Protein backbone atom coordinates (compact mmCIF):
# COMPACT_ATOMS: atom_id res chain seq x y z
CA MET A 1 -28.92 33.91 24.41
CA ARG A 2 -27.87 30.20 24.83
CA ILE A 3 -30.60 28.93 22.65
CA LEU A 4 -29.78 31.60 19.90
CA PHE A 5 -26.17 30.60 19.84
CA ALA A 6 -27.07 27.25 19.75
CA PHE A 7 -29.42 27.66 17.05
CA LEU A 8 -26.86 29.82 14.80
CA ALA A 9 -24.40 27.32 15.27
CA SER A 10 -26.17 24.35 13.90
CA VAL A 11 -27.18 26.70 10.88
CA MET A 12 -23.74 27.62 10.16
CA LEU A 13 -22.46 24.32 10.39
CA ALA A 14 -25.72 22.90 7.89
CA ALA A 15 -24.64 26.10 5.49
CA CYS A 16 -20.67 24.88 5.43
CA GLY A 17 -21.34 21.99 2.99
CA LEU A 18 -19.84 19.44 4.76
CA GLN A 19 -20.94 15.69 4.01
CA PRO A 20 -19.82 12.44 5.74
CA MET A 21 -17.55 10.20 3.44
CA TYR A 22 -19.28 7.45 3.95
CA ALA A 23 -23.11 8.41 3.43
CA GLY A 24 -25.34 5.33 3.29
CA GLY A 25 -22.98 2.96 4.57
CA GLY A 26 -22.35 -0.06 2.68
CA LYS A 27 -24.74 1.17 0.02
CA GLY A 28 -23.16 4.47 -0.24
CA ILE A 29 -21.22 5.61 -3.36
CA VAL A 30 -17.82 5.77 -1.83
CA ALA A 31 -18.12 2.13 0.08
CA GLN A 32 -19.71 0.74 -3.19
CA GLY A 33 -16.48 2.29 -5.18
CA LEU A 34 -14.09 1.30 -2.81
CA GLY A 35 -15.85 -2.38 -3.04
CA ALA A 36 -15.05 -2.41 -6.93
CA ILE A 37 -11.32 -2.09 -6.56
CA GLU A 38 -9.45 -4.79 -7.54
CA VAL A 39 -5.50 -4.45 -6.05
CA ALA A 40 -2.73 -5.43 -8.49
CA PRO A 41 -0.17 -7.75 -7.25
CA ILE A 42 2.79 -5.68 -5.32
CA GLU A 43 6.32 -7.20 -5.54
CA GLY A 44 8.24 -8.07 -2.37
CA GLN A 45 7.46 -8.06 1.47
CA ALA A 46 6.13 -4.68 1.78
CA GLY A 47 4.26 -5.00 -1.03
CA TRP A 48 2.61 -7.97 0.15
CA LEU A 49 2.21 -6.51 3.46
CA VAL A 50 0.51 -2.95 1.71
CA ARG A 51 -1.61 -5.41 -0.78
CA ASN A 52 -3.20 -7.22 1.96
CA ALA A 53 -3.84 -4.24 4.29
CA LEU A 54 -5.37 -2.39 1.11
CA ARG A 55 -7.80 -5.52 0.49
CA ASP A 56 -8.59 -5.49 4.27
CA ARG A 57 -9.91 -1.69 3.71
CA LEU A 58 -11.55 -2.01 0.38
CA SER A 59 -13.81 -5.19 1.56
CA ALA A 60 -16.35 -3.35 3.19
CA ALA A 61 -18.96 -3.65 0.47
CA PRO A 62 -17.35 -6.02 -2.14
CA THR A 63 -18.59 -6.31 -5.39
CA THR A 64 -18.14 -9.34 -7.88
CA THR A 65 -16.76 -7.73 -10.87
CA PRO A 66 -14.27 -4.78 -10.50
CA ARG A 67 -14.43 -1.59 -11.92
CA TYR A 68 -11.24 -0.01 -11.35
CA ARG A 69 -7.61 -1.85 -10.57
CA LEU A 70 -5.52 -0.04 -7.94
CA ASP A 71 -1.82 -0.20 -9.31
CA VAL A 72 1.13 0.51 -6.48
CA ARG A 73 4.91 0.55 -6.75
CA LEU A 74 6.70 0.68 -3.56
CA ASP A 75 10.07 1.98 -2.68
CA ASP A 76 11.40 0.01 1.17
CA ARG A 77 14.43 1.73 2.42
CA LEU A 78 16.59 1.42 5.58
CA GLU A 79 18.92 4.13 6.17
CA GLY A 80 21.69 3.94 8.80
CA LEU A 81 21.44 7.23 11.26
CA GLY A 82 23.51 7.98 14.20
CA VAL A 83 26.80 6.60 14.17
CA LEU A 84 28.47 5.85 17.34
CA GLY A 85 32.16 6.35 18.54
CA ASP A 86 32.95 2.95 17.69
CA ASP A 87 31.87 3.31 14.03
CA THR A 88 28.63 1.20 14.64
CA ILE A 89 25.24 2.56 13.90
CA GLY A 90 22.63 3.30 17.02
CA ARG A 91 19.77 4.30 15.28
CA GLU A 92 17.90 3.40 11.51
CA ARG A 93 15.12 4.67 9.79
CA ARG A 94 12.85 2.56 7.92
CA ILE A 95 11.17 4.52 4.53
CA LEU A 96 8.21 3.56 2.78
CA ARG A 97 7.08 5.22 -0.07
CA ALA A 98 4.26 4.22 -2.54
CA ARG A 99 3.20 5.70 -6.10
CA TYR A 100 -0.24 4.11 -7.27
CA GLN A 101 -2.81 4.82 -9.88
CA LEU A 102 -6.17 4.17 -9.80
CA VAL A 103 -7.39 2.82 -12.92
CA ASP A 104 -10.77 2.82 -14.64
CA LEU A 105 -10.64 -0.99 -16.25
CA ALA A 106 -14.12 0.22 -18.51
CA ASP A 107 -11.90 2.51 -20.65
CA GLY A 108 -8.25 2.82 -19.04
CA ASN A 109 -8.14 6.05 -17.83
CA ILE A 110 -6.05 6.75 -14.77
CA LEU A 111 -8.33 8.50 -12.12
CA LEU A 112 -5.69 9.05 -9.83
CA ASP A 113 -2.16 9.24 -9.83
CA ALA A 114 -0.47 9.84 -6.68
CA THR A 115 2.31 9.36 -3.59
CA ALA A 116 2.14 8.28 -0.33
CA GLY A 117 5.11 8.03 2.23
CA SER A 118 5.79 7.19 5.84
CA ASP A 119 8.84 6.65 7.83
CA ALA A 120 9.60 5.15 11.08
CA GLY A 121 12.89 5.47 13.49
CA ILE A 122 14.17 2.29 14.93
CA ASP A 123 17.22 2.02 17.95
CA VAL A 124 20.03 -0.50 17.05
CA VAL A 125 20.47 -2.48 20.19
CA SER A 126 23.16 -5.21 21.11
CA SER A 127 20.89 -8.17 20.06
CA GLU A 128 20.70 -8.79 16.51
CA TYR A 129 17.04 -10.53 16.68
CA ALA A 130 15.86 -7.72 18.67
CA THR A 131 16.91 -5.54 15.90
CA ILE A 132 15.93 -7.11 13.38
CA ALA A 133 12.41 -7.88 14.60
CA ALA A 134 12.01 -4.07 15.36
CA GLU A 135 12.62 -3.57 11.69
CA GLN A 136 9.74 -6.04 11.10
CA THR A 137 7.22 -4.60 13.00
CA ALA A 138 8.29 -1.01 11.70
CA LEU A 139 7.79 -2.19 8.01
CA GLU A 140 3.71 -4.24 9.25
CA ASN A 141 3.22 -0.66 10.72
CA LEU A 142 4.04 1.08 7.89
CA SER A 143 2.62 -0.92 5.43
CA ARG A 144 -0.79 -0.43 7.44
CA ASP A 145 -0.21 3.20 7.55
CA ILE A 146 0.41 3.78 3.54
CA ALA A 147 -2.71 1.47 2.66
CA ASP A 148 -4.67 4.15 5.22
CA ARG A 149 -3.24 6.89 3.18
CA ILE A 150 -4.18 5.47 0.04
CA VAL A 151 -7.76 4.51 0.37
CA THR A 152 -8.23 7.98 1.72
CA GLN A 153 -7.25 9.45 -1.20
CA VAL A 154 -8.89 6.76 -3.38
CA ALA A 155 -12.39 7.35 -1.51
CA LEU A 156 -11.66 11.49 -1.88
CA THR A 157 -11.14 10.62 -5.73
CA LEU A 158 -14.57 8.13 -6.05
CA ARG A 159 -16.30 10.96 -4.42
CA LYS A 160 -15.65 13.55 -6.98
CA GLU A 161 -16.17 11.22 -9.75
CA LYS A 162 -19.96 10.62 -8.82
């Protein structure tokens, strides 16, 4: 009975149409497409962090001639929350939002126009240095998270294009 169940489960899984995203490794369609993306410069410190994170993730199989360009615009905000009894802020929220477009350099068509966002809570403590360090760490973490989200969506788009 267990053998029959295992056999039926494997047949059903094979029939569901799931395919590995990065089939073929570095020579696969998605990896080659990701390697052919150049990331346009992005303004500000958050832009520098996001661009570096994107370039790290896209360089798995780099090509010499870019086929696509990724344009990213960021909105980085820091909001004060949790006002204490002495009218000081006890908590902050850092919000990083990205609007991005994947442009085919051959014909200028926009293959993907999407947004990604993430936010983090920060405790405001009596040490100004500690609060600034926490804000910076939050920005670094949010930048990596945004880059991961963008690359995932771009990979899905490239997979559909082929």
